[in-house]
């Protein structure tokens, strides 16, 4: 097998395309892939986490507001009416609210065994 001839000194050598340009392309490709993966995974998880945190905060504040408003209404009715009347009025209101919620419930689906 013949050995390749060495280039002659007077022949110009074409510059090769191997330069630092490929490193930039690889870095851009990696960056776009990582960004795409992040947009498909971390961004939705971040939205879900925010919804959970805000939901917990709002529900905690709602329960606290309900308890404080109940205490306030008992104290106000105790001041205006005899104690038994205040408890009767609030008991009636809570009973009616409970009955309405009970009426709105859905019965569990009947499981048929064969």
PDB file of N, CA and C in Angstrom:
ATOM      1  N   UNK A   1       0.820  -1.158   0.000  1.00  0.00           N
ATOM      2  CA  UNK A   1       0.000   0.000   0.000  1.00  0.00           C
ATOM      3  C   UNK A   1       0.876   1.236   0.000  1.00  0.00           C
ATOM      4  N   UNK A   2       0.476   2.172  -0.768  1.00  0.00           N
ATOM      5  CA  UNK A   2       1.284   3.369  -0.939  1.00  0.00           C
ATOM      6  C   UNK A   2       0.977   4.355   0.162  1.00  0.00           C
ATOM      7  N   UNK A   3       1.959   5.061   0.557  1.00  0.00           N
ATOM      8  CA  UNK A   3       1.769   6.088   1.580  1.00  0.00           C
ATOM      9  C   UNK A   3       1.345   7.367   0.906  1.00  0.00           C
ATOM     10  N   UNK A   4       0.476   8.126   1.551  1.00  0.00           N
ATOM     11  CA  UNK A   4       0.045   9.360   0.926  1.00  0.00           C
ATOM     12  C   UNK A   4       1.199  10.346   0.835  1.00  0.00           C
ATOM     13  N   UNK A   5       1.167  11.084  -0.220  1.00  0.00           N
ATOM     14  CA  UNK A   5       2.239  12.048  -0.457  1.00  0.00           C
ATOM     15  C   UNK A   5       2.049  13.231   0.450  1.00  0.00           C
ATOM     16  N   UNK A   6       3.105  13.753   0.933  1.00  0.00           N
ATOM     17  CA  UNK A   6       3.053  14.932   1.795  1.00  0.00           C
ATOM     18  C   UNK A   6       2.730  16.128   0.929  1.00  0.00           C
ATOM     19  N   UNK A   7       1.938  17.078   1.456  1.00  0.00           N
ATOM     20  CA  UNK A   7       1.614  18.249   0.647  1.00  0.00           C
ATOM     21  C   UNK A   7       2.869  19.041   0.328  1.00  0.00           C
ATOM     22  N   UNK A   8       2.839  19.593  -0.816  1.00  0.00           N
ATOM     23  CA  UNK A   8       3.985  20.384  -1.231  1.00  0.00           C
ATOM     24  C   UNK A   8       3.973  21.710  -0.508  1.00  0.00           C
ATOM     25  N   UNK A   9       5.095  22.259  -0.193  1.00  0.00           N
ATOM     26  CA  UNK A   9       5.146  23.505   0.570  1.00  0.00           C
ATOM     27  C   UNK A   9       4.519  24.681  -0.163  1.00  0.00           C
ATOM     28  N   UNK A  10       4.493  24.697  -1.466  1.00  0.00           N
ATOM     29  CA  UNK A  10       3.942  25.847  -2.169  1.00  0.00           C
ATOM     30  C   UNK A  10       2.429  25.733  -2.368  1.00  0.00           C
ATOM     31  N   UNK A  11       1.787  24.577  -2.020  1.00  0.00           N
ATOM     32  CA  UNK A  11       0.356  24.401  -2.172  1.00  0.00           C
ATOM     33  C   UNK A  11      -0.346  24.916  -0.909  1.00  0.00           C
ATOM     34  N   UNK A  12      -1.312  25.845  -1.095  1.00  0.00           N
ATOM     35  CA  UNK A  12      -2.009  26.340   0.107  1.00  0.00           C
ATOM     36  C   UNK A  12      -2.923  25.247   0.679  1.00  0.00           C
ATOM     37  N   UNK A  13      -2.968  25.178   1.969  1.00  0.00           N
ATOM     38  CA  UNK A  13      -3.800  24.194   2.656  1.00  0.00           C
ATOM     39  C   UNK A  13      -5.125  24.868   2.999  1.00  0.00           C
ATOM     40  N   UNK A  14      -6.223  24.198   2.654  1.00  0.00           N
ATOM     41  CA  UNK A  14      -7.542  24.761   2.933  1.00  0.00           C
ATOM     42  C   UNK A  14      -7.775  24.743   4.446  1.00  0.00           C
ATOM     43  N   UNK A  15      -8.305  25.828   4.981  1.00  0.00           N
ATOM     44  CA  UNK A  15      -8.553  25.836   6.428  1.00  0.00           C
ATOM     45  C   UNK A  15      -9.679  24.849   6.758  1.00  0.00           C
ATOM     46  N   UNK A  16      -9.506  24.179   7.821  1.00  0.00           N
ATOM     47  CA  UNK A  16     -10.522  23.205   8.225  1.00  0.00           C
ATOM     48  C   UNK A  16     -11.609  23.913   9.034  1.00  0.00           C
ATOM     49  N   UNK A  17     -12.796  23.315   9.047  1.00  0.00           N
ATOM     50  CA  UNK A  17     -13.934  23.888   9.764  1.00  0.00           C
ATOM     51  C   UNK A  17     -13.908  23.520  11.245  1.00  0.00           C
ATOM     52  N   UNK A  18     -12.919  22.749  11.664  1.00  0.00           N
ATOM     53  CA  UNK A  18     -12.825  22.363  13.066  1.00  0.00           C
ATOM     54  C   UNK A  18     -12.250  23.541  13.821  1.00  0.00           C
ATOM     55  N   UNK A  19     -13.110  24.239  14.497  1.00  0.00           N
ATOM     56  CA  UNK A  19     -12.693  25.370  15.310  1.00  0.00           C
ATOM     57  C   UNK A  19     -13.545  25.356  16.570  1.00  0.00           C
ATOM     58  N   UNK A  20     -13.558  26.457  17.243  1.00  0.00           N
ATOM     59  CA  UNK A  20     -14.341  26.522  18.475  1.00  0.00           C
ATOM     60  C   UNK A  20     -15.826  26.675  18.173  1.00  0.00           C
ATOM     61  N   UNK A  21     -16.231  26.733  16.922  1.00  0.00           N
ATOM     62  CA  UNK A  21     -17.632  26.881  16.551  1.00  0.00           C
ATOM     63  C   UNK A  21     -18.461  25.675  16.989  1.00  0.00           C
ATOM     64  N   UNK A  22     -17.894  24.473  16.941  1.00  0.00           N
ATOM     65  CA  UNK A  22     -18.652  23.286  17.342  1.00  0.00           C
ATOM     66  C   UNK A  22     -18.953  23.303  18.822  1.00  0.00           C
ATOM     67  N   UNK A  23     -18.084  23.905  19.610  1.00  0.00           N
ATOM     68  CA  UNK A  23     -18.344  23.967  21.058  1.00  0.00           C
ATOM     69  C   UNK A  23     -19.545  24.864  21.356  1.00  0.00           C
ATOM     70  N   UNK A  24     -19.666  25.932  20.589  1.00  0.00           N
ATOM     71  CA  UNK A  24     -20.808  26.825  20.771  1.00  0.00           C
ATOM     72  C   UNK A  24     -22.097  26.102  20.373  1.00  0.00           C
ATOM     73  N   UNK A  25     -22.039  25.351  19.286  1.00  0.00           N
ATOM     74  CA  UNK A  25     -23.220  24.608  18.836  1.00  0.00           C
ATOM     75  C   UNK A  25     -23.634  23.560  19.866  1.00  0.00           C
ATOM     76  N   UNK A  26     -22.654  22.852  20.409  1.00  0.00           N
ATOM     77  CA  UNK A  26     -22.961  21.839  21.423  1.00  0.00           C
ATOM     78  C   UNK A  26     -23.550  22.499  22.666  1.00  0.00           C
ATOM     79  N   UNK A  27     -22.978  23.607  23.080  1.00  0.00           N
ATOM     80  CA  UNK A  27     -23.491  24.315  24.259  1.00  0.00           C
ATOM     81  C   UNK A  27     -24.911  24.819  24.022  1.00  0.00           C
ATOM     82  N   UNK A  28     -25.176  25.358  22.839  1.00  0.00           N
ATOM     83  CA  UNK A  28     -26.532  25.814  22.515  1.00  0.00           C
ATOM     84  C   UNK A  28     -27.522  24.654  22.484  1.00  0.00           C
ATOM     85  N   UNK A  29     -27.105  23.515  21.936  1.00  0.00           N
ATOM     86  CA  UNK A  29     -27.981  22.341  21.894  1.00  0.00           C
ATOM     87  C   UNK A  29     -28.294  21.853  23.298  1.00  0.00           C
ATOM     88  N   UNK A  30     -27.284  21.766  24.139  1.00  0.00           N
ATOM     89  CA  UNK A  30     -27.499  21.329  25.516  1.00  0.00           C
ATOM     90  C   UNK A  30     -28.413  22.298  26.246  1.00  0.00           C
ATOM     91  N   UNK A  31     -28.192  23.575  26.041  1.00  0.00           N
ATOM     92  CA  UNK A  31     -29.029  24.585  26.692  1.00  0.00           C
ATOM     93  C   UNK A  31     -30.483  24.486  26.233  1.00  0.00           C
ATOM     94  N   UNK A  32     -30.698  24.266  24.948  1.00  0.00           N
ATOM     95  CA  UNK A  32     -32.080  24.166  24.463  1.00  0.00           C
ATOM     96  C   UNK A  32     -32.755  22.891  24.966  1.00  0.00           C
ATOM     97  N   UNK A  33     -32.016  21.793  25.045  1.00  0.00           N
ATOM     98  CA  UNK A  33     -32.589  20.545  25.558  1.00  0.00           C
ATOM     99  C   UNK A  33     -32.935  20.682  27.033  1.00  0.00           C
ATOM    100  N   UNK A  34     -32.039  21.255  27.809  1.00  0.00           N
ATOM    101  CA  UNK A  34     -32.295  21.444  29.236  1.00  0.00           C
ATOM    102  C   UNK A  34     -33.476  22.395  29.441  1.00  0.00           C
ATOM    103  N   UNK A  35     -33.543  23.453  28.653  1.00  0.00           N
ATOM    104  CA  UNK A  35     -34.674  24.376  28.757  1.00  0.00           C
ATOM    105  C   UNK A  35     -35.985  23.723  28.394  1.00  0.00           C
ATOM    106  N   UNK A  36     -35.965  22.890  27.376  1.00  0.00           N
ATOM    107  CA  UNK A  36     -37.180  22.181  26.964  1.00  0.00           C
ATOM    108  C   UNK A  36     -37.640  21.209  28.048  1.00  0.00           C
ATOM    109  N   UNK A  37     -36.706  20.469  28.619  1.00  0.00           N
ATOM    110  CA  UNK A  37     -37.054  19.533  29.689  1.00  0.00           C
ATOM    111  C   UNK A  37     -37.588  20.286  30.896  1.00  0.00           C
ATOM    112  N   UNK A  38     -36.988  21.412  31.225  1.00  0.00           N
ATOM    113  CA  UNK A  38     -37.440  22.202  32.362  1.00  0.00           C
ATOM    114  C   UNK A  38     -38.855  22.726  32.126  1.00  0.00           C
ATOM    115  N   UNK A  39     -39.119  23.205  30.927  1.00  0.00           N
ATOM    116  CA  UNK A  39     -40.453  23.726  30.624  1.00  0.00           C
ATOM    117  C   UNK A  39     -41.514  22.640  30.677  1.00  0.00           C
ATOM    118  N   UNK A  40     -41.138  21.410  30.405  1.00  0.00           N
ATOM    119  CA  UNK A  40     -42.114  20.323  30.406  1.00  0.00           C
ATOM    120  C   UNK A  40     -42.258  19.656  31.768  1.00  0.00           C
ATOM    121  N   UNK A  41     -41.302  19.850  32.672  1.00  0.00           N
ATOM    122  CA  UNK A  41     -41.371  19.168  33.964  1.00  0.00           C
ATOM    123  C   UNK A  41     -41.453  20.149  35.126  1.00  0.00           C
ATOM    124  N   UNK A  42     -40.482  21.002  35.260  1.00  0.00           N
ATOM    125  CA  UNK A  42     -40.397  21.852  36.453  1.00  0.00           C
ATOM    126  C   UNK A  42     -41.456  22.946  36.473  1.00  0.00           C
ATOM    127  N   UNK A  43     -41.782  23.518  35.342  1.00  0.00           N
ATOM    128  CA  UNK A  43     -42.764  24.607  35.322  1.00  0.00           C
ATOM    129  C   UNK A  43     -44.154  24.122  35.747  1.00  0.00           C
ATOM    130  N   UNK A  44     -44.670  22.991  35.234  1.00  0.00           N
ATOM    131  CA  UNK A  44     -45.967  22.519  35.736  1.00  0.00           C
ATOM    132  C   UNK A  44     -45.932  22.135  37.216  1.00  0.00           C
ATOM    133  N   UNK A  45     -44.831  21.536  37.665  1.00  0.00           N
ATOM    134  CA  UNK A  45     -44.724  21.186  39.082  1.00  0.00           C
ATOM    135  C   UNK A  45     -44.704  22.434  39.959  1.00  0.00           C
ATOM    136  N   UNK A  46     -44.071  23.464  39.475  1.00  0.00           N
ATOM    137  CA  UNK A  46     -44.052  24.726  40.221  1.00  0.00           C
ATOM    138  C   UNK A  46     -45.464  25.304  40.324  1.00  0.00           C
ATOM    139  N   UNK A  47     -46.233  25.207  39.259  1.00  0.00           N
ATOM    140  CA  UNK A  47     -47.615  25.695  39.284  1.00  0.00           C
ATOM    141  C   UNK A  47     -48.458  24.892  40.269  1.00  0.00           C
ATOM    142  N   UNK A  48     -48.295  23.581  40.277  1.00  0.00           N
ATOM    143  CA  UNK A  48     -49.039  22.731  41.206  1.00  0.00           C
ATOM    144  C   UNK A  48     -48.644  23.040  42.645  1.00  0.00           C
ATOM    145  N   UNK A  49     -47.356  23.228  42.893  1.00  0.00           N
ATOM    146  CA  UNK A  49     -46.896  23.539  44.247  1.00  0.00           C
ATOM    147  C   UNK A  49     -47.460  24.877  44.715  1.00  0.00           C
ATOM    148  N   UNK A  50     -47.479  25.857  43.834  1.00  0.00           N
ATOM    149  CA  UNK A  50     -48.069  27.148  44.205  1.00  0.00           C
ATOM    150  C   UNK A  50     -49.550  27.013  44.530  1.00  0.00           C
ATOM    151  N   UNK A  51     -50.265  26.257  43.716  1.00  0.00           N
ATOM    152  CA  UNK A  51     -51.700  26.064  43.959  1.00  0.00           C
ATOM    153  C   UNK A  51     -51.932  25.377  45.298  1.00  0.00           C
ATOM    154  N   UNK A  52     -51.119  24.382  45.625  1.00  0.00           N
ATOM    155  CA  UNK A  52     -51.265  23.702  46.906  1.00  0.00           C
ATOM    156  C   UNK A  52     -50.987  24.644  48.078  1.00  0.00           C
ATOM    157  N   UNK A  53     -49.921  25.410  47.971  1.00  0.00           N
ATOM    158  CA  UNK A  53     -49.571  26.320  49.062  1.00  0.00           C
ATOM    159  C   UNK A  53     -50.653  27.373  49.244  1.00  0.00           C
ATOM    160  N   UNK A  54     -51.079  27.989  48.166  1.00  0.00           N
ATOM    161  CA  UNK A  54     -52.123  29.015  48.284  1.00  0.00           C
ATOM    162  C   UNK A  54     -53.445  28.401  48.735  1.00  0.00           C
ATOM    163  N   UNK A  55     -53.749  27.198  48.316  1.00  0.00           N
ATOM    164  CA  UNK A  55     -54.971  26.532  48.754  1.00  0.00           C
ATOM    165  C   UNK A  55     -54.954  26.247  50.239  1.00  0.00           C
ATOM    166  N   UNK A  56     -53.819  25.797  50.744  1.00  0.00           N
ATOM    167  CA  UNK A  56     -53.697  25.535  52.184  1.00  0.00           C
ATOM    168  C   UNK A  56     -53.834  26.826  52.972  1.00  0.00           C
ATOM    169  N   UNK A  57     -53.203  27.883  52.485  1.00  0.00           N
ATOM    170  CA  UNK A  57     -53.287  29.167  53.190  1.00  0.00           C
ATOM    171  C   UNK A  57     -54.719  29.690  53.196  1.00  0.00           C
ATOM    172  N   UNK A  58     -55.392  29.632  52.057  1.00  0.00           N
ATOM    173  CA  UNK A  58     -56.760  30.140  51.971  1.00  0.00           C
ATOM    174  C   UNK A  58     -57.706  29.303  52.820  1.00  0.00           C
ATOM    175  N   UNK A  59     -57.554  27.981  52.789  1.00  0.00           N
ATOM    176  CA  UNK A  59     -58.440  27.141  53.598  1.00  0.00           C
ATOM    177  C   UNK A  59     -58.205  27.358  55.090  1.00  0.00           C
ATOM    178  N   UNK A  60     -56.963  27.544  55.500  1.00  0.00           N
ATOM    179  CA  UNK A  60     -56.672  27.827  56.904  1.00  0.00           C
ATOM    180  C   UNK A  60     -57.287  29.151  57.323  1.00  0.00           C
ATOM    181  N   UNK A  61     -57.150  30.150  56.481  1.00  0.00           N
ATOM    182  CA  UNK A  61     -57.748  31.454  56.797  1.00  0.00           C
ATOM    183  C   UNK A  61     -59.275  31.364  56.813  1.00  0.00           C
ATOM    184  N   UNK A  62     -59.856  30.561  55.933  1.00  0.00           N
ATOM    185  CA  UNK A  62     -61.306  30.396  55.906  1.00  0.00           C
ATOM    186  C   UNK A  62     -61.828  29.732  57.168  1.00  0.00           C
ATOM    187  N   UNK A  63     -61.134  28.684  57.613  1.00  0.00           N
ATOM    188  CA  UNK A  63     -61.550  28.007  58.845  1.00  0.00           C
ATOM    189  C   UNK A  63     -61.417  28.951  60.034  1.00  0.00           C
ATOM    190  N   UNK A  64     -60.330  29.707  60.093  1.00  0.00           N
ATOM    191  CA  UNK A  64     -60.151  30.661  61.191  1.00  0.00           C
ATOM    192  C   UNK A  64     -61.236  31.729  61.165  1.00  0.00           C
ATOM    193  N   UNK A  65     -61.577  32.205  59.971  1.00  0.00           N
ATOM    194  CA  UNK A  65     -62.635  33.224  59.866  1.00  0.00           C
ATOM    195  C   UNK A  65     -63.982  32.643  60.284  1.00  0.00           C
ATOM    196  N   UNK A  66     -64.262  31.400  59.929  1.00  0.00           N
ATOM    197  CA  UNK A  66     -65.521  30.761  60.325  1.00  0.00           C
ATOM    198  C   UNK A  66     -65.604  30.602  61.843  1.00  0.00           C
ATOM    199  N   UNK A  67     -64.527  30.152  62.451  1.00  0.00           N
ATOM    200  CA  UNK A  67     -64.513  29.983  63.910  1.00  0.00           C
ATOM    201  C   UNK A  67     -64.668  31.330  64.601  1.00  0.00           C
ATOM    202  N   UNK A  68     -63.923  32.333  64.140  1.00  0.00           N
ATOM    203  CA  UNK A  68     -64.007  33.652  64.785  1.00  0.00           C
ATOM    204  C   UNK A  68     -65.375  34.296  64.582  1.00  0.00           C
ATOM    205  N   UNK A  69     -65.975  34.118  63.425  1.00  0.00           N
ATOM    206  CA  UNK A  69     -67.313  34.687  63.213  1.00  0.00           C
ATOM    207  C   UNK A  69     -68.367  33.967  64.049  1.00  0.00           C
ATOM    208  N   UNK A  70     -68.198  32.670  64.259  1.00  0.00           N
ATOM    209  CA  UNK A  70     -69.112  31.939  65.134  1.00  0.00           C
ATOM    210  C   UNK A  70     -68.982  32.423  66.570  1.00  0.00           C
ATOM    211  N   UNK A  71     -67.775  32.587  67.041  1.00  0.00           N
ATOM    212  CA  UNK A  71     -67.557  33.099  68.400  1.00  0.00           C
ATOM    213  C   UNK A  71     -68.136  34.504  68.532  1.00  0.00           C
ATOM    214  N   UNK A  72     -67.911  35.339  67.525  1.00  0.00           N
ATOM    215  CA  UNK A  72     -68.429  36.704  67.570  1.00  0.00           C
ATOM    216  C   UNK A  72     -69.960  36.709  67.599  1.00  0.00           C
ATOM    217  N   UNK A  73     -70.578  35.846  66.793  1.00  0.00           N
ATOM    218  CA  UNK A  73     -72.042  35.837  66.773  1.00  0.00           C
ATOM    219  C   UNK A  73     -72.610  35.308  68.088  1.00  0.00           C
ATOM    220  N   UNK A  74     -71.968  34.330  68.714  1.00  0.00           N
ATOM    221  CA  UNK A  74     -72.434  33.836  70.012  1.00  0.00           C
ATOM    222  C   UNK A  74     -72.338  34.934  71.056  1.00  0.00           C
ATOM    223  N   UNK A  75     -71.227  35.630  71.071  1.00  0.00           N
ATOM    224  CA  UNK A  75     -71.063  36.705  72.061  1.00  0.00           C
ATOM    225  C   UNK A  75     -72.051  37.843  71.830  1.00  0.00           C
ATOM    226  N   UNK A  76     -72.284  38.164  70.560  1.00  0.00           N
ATOM    227  CA  UNK A  76     -73.228  39.240  70.255  1.00  0.00           C
ATOM    228  C   UNK A  76     -74.646  38.844  70.656  1.00  0.00           C
ATOM    229  N   UNK A  77     -75.044  37.613  70.321  1.00  0.00           N
ATOM    230  CA  UNK A  77     -76.379  37.161  70.701  1.00  0.00           C
ATOM    231  C   UNK A  77     -76.514  36.983  72.210  1.00  0.00           C
ATOM    232  N   UNK A  78     -75.435  36.598  72.909  1.00  0.00           N
ATOM    233  CA  UNK A  78     -75.480  36.520  74.372  1.00  0.00           C
ATOM    234  C   UNK A  78     -75.699  37.896  74.984  1.00  0.00           C
ATOM    235  N   UNK A  79     -75.136  38.886  74.367  1.00  0.00           N
ATOM    236  CA  UNK A  79     -75.292  40.253  74.872  1.00  0.00           C
ATOM    237  C   UNK A  79     -76.715  40.762  74.640  1.00  0.00           C
ATOM    238  N   UNK A  80     -77.309  40.405  73.495  1.00  0.00           N
ATOM    239  CA  UNK A  80     -78.634  40.915  73.140  1.00  0.00           C
ATOM    240  C   UNK A  80     -79.778  40.066  73.691  1.00  0.00           C
ATOM    241  N   UNK A  81     -79.603  38.763  73.785  1.00  0.00           N
ATOM    242  CA  UNK A  81     -80.680  37.843  74.153  1.00  0.00           C
ATOM    243  C   UNK A  81     -80.253  37.001  75.353  1.00  0.00           C
ATOM    244  N   UNK A  82     -81.197  36.301  75.952  1.00  0.00           N
ATOM    245  CA  UNK A  82     -80.795  35.329  76.976  1.00  0.00           C
ATOM    246  C   UNK A  82     -79.932  34.231  76.344  1.00  0.00           C
ATOM    247  N   UNK A  83     -79.150  33.592  77.184  1.00  0.00           N
ATOM    248  CA  UNK A  83     -78.180  32.615  76.679  1.00  0.00           C
ATOM    249  C   UNK A  83     -78.882  31.478  75.945  1.00  0.00           C
ATOM    250  N   UNK A  84     -79.993  30.979  76.494  1.00  0.00           N
ATOM    251  CA  UNK A  84     -80.672  29.857  75.857  1.00  0.00           C
ATOM    252  C   UNK A  84     -81.191  30.233  74.469  1.00  0.00           C
ATOM    253  N   UNK A  85     -81.605  31.492  74.274  1.00  0.00           N
ATOM    254  CA  UNK A  85     -82.104  31.924  72.972  1.00  0.00           C
ATOM    255  C   UNK A  85     -80.964  32.016  71.954  1.00  0.00           C
ATOM    256  N   UNK A  86     -79.809  32.503  72.405  1.00  0.00           N
ATOM    257  CA  UNK A  86     -78.659  32.600  71.504  1.00  0.00           C
ATOM    258  C   UNK A  86     -78.250  31.222  71.003  1.00  0.00           C
ATOM    259  N   UNK A  87     -78.174  30.262  71.931  1.00  0.00           N
ATOM    260  CA  UNK A  87     -77.802  28.907  71.528  1.00  0.00           C
ATOM    261  C   UNK A  87     -78.883  28.266  70.658  1.00  0.00           C
ATOM    262  N   UNK A  88     -80.134  28.558  70.936  1.00  0.00           N
ATOM    263  CA  UNK A  88     -81.224  28.001  70.123  1.00  0.00           C
ATOM    264  C   UNK A  88     -81.176  28.552  68.702  1.00  0.00           C
ATOM    265  N   UNK A  89     -80.943  29.855  68.566  1.00  0.00           N
ATOM    266  CA  UNK A  89     -80.875  30.464  67.226  1.00  0.00           C
ATOM    267  C   UNK A  89     -79.702  29.911  66.433  1.00  0.00           C
ATOM    268  N   UNK A  90     -78.508  29.918  67.043  1.00  0.00           N
ATOM    269  CA  UNK A  90     -77.333  29.411  66.317  1.00  0.00           C
ATOM    270  C   UNK A  90     -77.435  27.908  66.066  1.00  0.00           C
ATOM    271  N   UNK A  91     -77.989  27.160  67.017  1.00  0.00           N
ATOM    272  CA  UNK A  91     -78.193  25.728  66.803  1.00  0.00           C
ATOM    273  C   UNK A  91     -79.147  25.469  65.651  1.00  0.00           C
ATOM    274  N   UNK A  92     -80.190  26.278  65.570  1.00  0.00           N
ATOM    275  CA  UNK A  92     -81.128  26.141  64.458  1.00  0.00           C
ATOM    276  C   UNK A  92     -80.479  26.469  63.125  1.00  0.00           C
ATOM    277  N   UNK A  93     -79.676  27.531  63.102  1.00  0.00           N
ATOM    278  CA  UNK A  93     -78.980  27.896  61.854  1.00  0.00           C
ATOM    279  C   UNK A  93     -78.020  26.797  61.408  1.00  0.00           C
ATOM    280  N   UNK A  94     -77.246  26.266  62.346  1.00  0.00           N
ATOM    281  CA  UNK A  94     -76.304  25.209  61.996  1.00  0.00           C
ATOM    282  C   UNK A  94     -77.031  23.927  61.591  1.00  0.00           C
ATOM    283  N   UNK A  95     -78.171  23.651  62.207  1.00  0.00           N
ATOM    284  CA  UNK A  95     -78.943  22.470  61.834  1.00  0.00           C
ATOM    285  C   UNK A  95     -79.488  22.604  60.415  1.00  0.00           C
ATOM    286  N   UNK A  96     -80.026  23.778  60.091  1.00  0.00           N
ATOM    287  CA  UNK A  96     -80.543  24.003  58.742  1.00  0.00           C
ATOM    288  C   UNK A  96     -79.412  23.906  57.707  1.00  0.00           C
ATOM    289  N   UNK A  97     -78.260  24.502  58.031  1.00  0.00           N
ATOM    290  CA  UNK A  97     -77.122  24.430  57.105  1.00  0.00           C
ATOM    291  C   UNK A  97     -76.667  22.982  56.927  1.00  0.00           C
ATOM    292  N   UNK A  98     -76.629  22.224  58.017  1.00  0.00           N
ATOM    293  CA  UNK A  98     -76.246  20.816  57.929  1.00  0.00           C
ATOM    294  C   UNK A  98     -77.225  19.999  57.120  1.00  0.00           C
ATOM    295  N   UNK A  99     -78.526  20.276  57.301  1.00  0.00           N
ATOM    296  CA  UNK A  99     -79.530  19.544  56.524  1.00  0.00           C
ATOM    297  C   UNK A  99     -79.436  19.875  55.037  1.00  0.00           C
ATOM    298  N   UNK A 100     -79.159  21.138  54.718  1.00  0.00           N
ATOM    299  CA  UNK A 100     -78.994  21.497  53.302  1.00  0.00           C
ATOM    300  C   UNK A 100     -77.780  20.800  52.691  1.00  0.00           C
ATOM    301  N   UNK A 101     -76.687  20.780  53.437  1.00  0.00           N
ATOM    302  CA  UNK A 101     -75.500  20.088  52.936  1.00  0.00           C
ATOM    303  C   UNK A 101     -75.741  18.584  52.830  1.00  0.00           C
ATOM    304  N   UNK A 102     -76.482  18.025  53.760  1.00  0.00           N
ATOM    305  CA  UNK A 102     -76.798  16.593  53.712  1.00  0.00           C
ATOM    306  C   UNK A 102     -77.644  16.265  52.491  1.00  0.00           C
ATOM    307  N   UNK A 103     -78.518  17.171  52.158  1.00  0.00           N
ATOM    308  CA  UNK A 103     -79.380  16.965  50.996  1.00  0.00           C
ATOM    309  C   UNK A 103     -78.588  17.028  49.689  1.00  0.00           C
ATOM    310  N   UNK A 104     -77.531  17.827  49.661  1.00  0.00           N
ATOM    311  CA  UNK A 104     -76.714  17.977  48.449  1.00  0.00           C
ATOM    312  C   UNK A 104     -75.718  16.840  48.250  1.00  0.00           C
ATOM    313  N   UNK A 105     -75.539  15.994  49.241  1.00  0.00           N
ATOM    314  CA  UNK A 105     -74.538  14.928  49.133  1.00  0.00           C
ATOM    315  C   UNK A 105     -74.949  13.924  48.074  1.00  0.00           C
ATOM    316  N   UNK A 106     -73.975  13.198  47.610  1.00  0.00           N
ATOM    317  CA  UNK A 106     -74.240  12.145  46.641  1.00  0.00           C
ATOM    318  C   UNK A 106     -74.107  10.807  47.360  1.00  0.00           C
ATOM    319  N   UNK A 107     -75.067   9.940  47.206  1.00  0.00           N
ATOM    320  CA  UNK A 107     -74.941   8.635  47.866  1.00  0.00           C
ATOM    321  C   UNK A 107     -73.824   7.829  47.221  1.00  0.00           C
ATOM    322  N   UNK A 108     -73.169   6.985  48.009  1.00  0.00           N
ATOM    323  CA  UNK A 108     -72.094   6.159  47.410  1.00  0.00           C
ATOM    324  C   UNK A 108     -72.670   5.224  46.360  1.00  0.00           C
ATOM    325  N   UNK A 109     -71.893   4.980  45.352  1.00  0.00           N
ATOM    326  CA  UNK A 109     -72.369   4.116  44.268  1.00  0.00           C
ATOM    327  C   UNK A 109     -72.548   2.702  44.799  1.00  0.00           C
ATOM    328  N   UNK A 110     -73.647   2.094  44.420  1.00  0.00           N
ATOM    329  CA  UNK A 110     -73.957   0.729  44.881  1.00  0.00           C
ATOM    330  C   UNK A 110     -73.043  -0.244  44.165  1.00  0.00           C
ATOM    331  N   UNK A 111     -72.354  -1.038  44.956  1.00  0.00           N
ATOM    332  CA  UNK A 111     -71.465  -2.043  44.373  1.00  0.00           C
ATOM    333  C   UNK A 111     -72.247  -3.334  44.209  1.00  0.00           C
ATOM    334  N   UNK A 112     -72.309  -3.790  43.000  1.00  0.00           N
ATOM    335  CA  UNK A 112     -73.034  -5.019  42.723  1.00  0.00           C
ATOM    336  C   UNK A 112     -72.044  -6.167  42.691  1.00  0.00           C
ATOM    337  N   UNK A 113     -72.300  -7.157  43.490  1.00  0.00           N
ATOM    338  CA  UNK A 113     -71.426  -8.330  43.490  1.00  0.00           C
ATOM    339  C   UNK A 113     -72.113  -9.451  42.743  1.00  0.00           C
ATOM    340  N   UNK A 114     -71.389 -10.094  41.903  1.00  0.00           N
ATOM    341  CA  UNK A 114     -71.954 -11.183  41.091  1.00  0.00           C
ATOM    342  C   UNK A 114     -71.376 -12.502  41.518  1.00  0.00           C
TER     343      UNK A 114
END
